[in-house]
Protein backbone atom coordinates (compact mmCIF):
# COMPACT_ATOMS: atom_id res chain seq x y z
CA MET A 1 2.22 -20.39 1.25
CA LEU A 2 3.66 -23.63 2.64
CA THR A 3 0.16 -25.09 2.84
CA ARG A 4 -0.29 -24.36 -0.88
CA ILE A 5 2.95 -26.05 -1.74
CA VAL A 6 1.99 -29.12 0.36
CA ALA A 7 -1.27 -29.22 -1.58
CA GLU A 8 0.60 -29.15 -4.88
CA VAL A 9 3.06 -31.90 -3.83
CA ALA A 10 0.99 -34.10 -1.55
CA GLY A 11 -2.62 -33.22 -2.40
CA GLU A 12 -5.40 -31.16 -0.91
CA PRO A 13 -6.42 -33.78 1.71
CA VAL A 14 -2.89 -33.83 3.18
CA ALA A 15 -2.63 -30.01 3.12
CA ALA A 16 -6.02 -29.66 4.82
CA ALA A 17 -5.16 -32.27 7.49
CA ASN A 18 -1.81 -30.47 8.29
CA ALA A 19 -2.89 -26.85 7.83
CA LYS A 20 -2.33 -25.99 11.52
CA GLU A 21 1.07 -27.75 11.76
CA PRO A 22 4.26 -25.63 12.06
CA GLY A 23 6.40 -24.89 9.06
CA LYS A 24 8.93 -27.52 10.07
CA VAL A 25 6.30 -30.29 9.66
CA LEU A 26 5.06 -28.88 6.35
CA LYS A 27 8.57 -28.69 4.94
CA ARG A 28 9.19 -32.25 6.02
CA ILE A 29 6.04 -33.41 4.17
CA VAL A 30 7.19 -31.70 0.99
CA ARG A 31 10.66 -33.11 1.33
CA ASP A 32 9.36 -36.63 1.99
CA HIS A 33 7.27 -36.49 -1.19
CA LEU A 34 10.09 -35.05 -3.33
CA GLU A 35 12.47 -37.83 -2.06
CA GLY A 36 9.84 -40.55 -1.84
CA ALA A 37 10.80 -41.08 1.84
CA ASN A 38 8.88 -42.23 4.94
CA GLY A 39 6.27 -44.06 2.91
CA ARG A 40 5.26 -41.08 0.80
CA PRO A 41 4.85 -41.41 -2.98
CA LYS A 42 7.75 -39.74 -4.83
CA VAL A 43 6.90 -36.66 -6.86
CA GLU A 44 9.12 -36.13 -9.89
CA GLY A 45 9.86 -32.91 -11.64
CA TRP A 46 8.07 -30.56 -9.31
CA VAL A 47 9.16 -26.95 -9.03
CA PRO A 48 7.66 -23.99 -7.16
CA LYS A 49 5.24 -21.80 -9.20
CA TRP A 50 7.77 -19.03 -9.25
CA MET A 51 10.34 -21.27 -10.98
CA ALA A 52 7.95 -22.72 -13.61
CA PHE A 53 7.23 -21.20 -17.02
CA PRO A 54 5.31 -19.01 -17.12
CA PRO A 55 6.08 -18.09 -13.46
CA ALA A 56 3.20 -17.63 -11.09
CA THR A 57 2.59 -16.69 -7.46
CA TYR A 58 0.89 -18.50 -4.58
CA THR A 59 -0.69 -15.28 -3.22
CA ALA A 60 -1.82 -11.98 -4.60
CA ARG A 61 0.67 -10.14 -2.50
CA GLY A 62 3.22 -9.79 -5.28
CA GLY A 63 6.94 -9.31 -4.82
CA VAL A 64 8.01 -12.32 -6.90
CA GLY A 65 10.89 -11.22 -9.19
CA THR A 66 10.37 -13.90 -11.83
CA VAL A 67 6.68 -12.99 -12.19
CA ALA A 68 7.51 -9.27 -12.47
CA ALA A 69 10.28 -9.92 -15.02
CA HIS A 70 7.91 -12.12 -17.14
CA ALA A 71 5.26 -9.41 -17.10
CA LYS A 72 7.87 -6.91 -18.39
CA VAL A 73 8.84 -9.27 -21.19
CA LEU A 74 5.20 -9.70 -22.22
CA ALA A 75 4.54 -5.98 -22.12
CA ALA A 76 7.63 -5.39 -24.35
CA ARG A 77 6.47 -7.87 -27.03
CA PRO A 78 4.58 -6.67 -30.11
CA THR A 79 0.77 -7.12 -29.81
CA ALA A 80 0.68 -9.81 -32.53
CA SER A 81 3.08 -12.10 -30.71
CA ARG A 82 1.05 -11.88 -27.47
CA ASN A 83 -1.98 -13.35 -29.22
CA ARG A 84 -0.10 -16.23 -30.75
CA PRO A 85 -0.46 -19.64 -28.87
CA ALA A 86 2.60 -20.98 -27.15
CA PRO A 87 4.47 -23.79 -28.99
CA ALA A 88 3.56 -27.31 -27.87
CA ARG A 89 6.16 -29.09 -25.68
């Protein structure tokens, strides 16, 4: 999962080059990009998929509360509102 987060924040080439690194290194890469530290370009406004809207997961494993809650909300909505496009931001 950390490799997928690194790919989102730093890009696929950085994630691939560091795929075998320990979690400590991957977390540092993400932190550096979010802060714009150690020569890394700063990434603004990034949030993990499970905190975005609509929430999503990084794996098919499941167990993400926000994704499960969103699915319950969608299931409870009337059918017509499910087919309506989301409002533009």
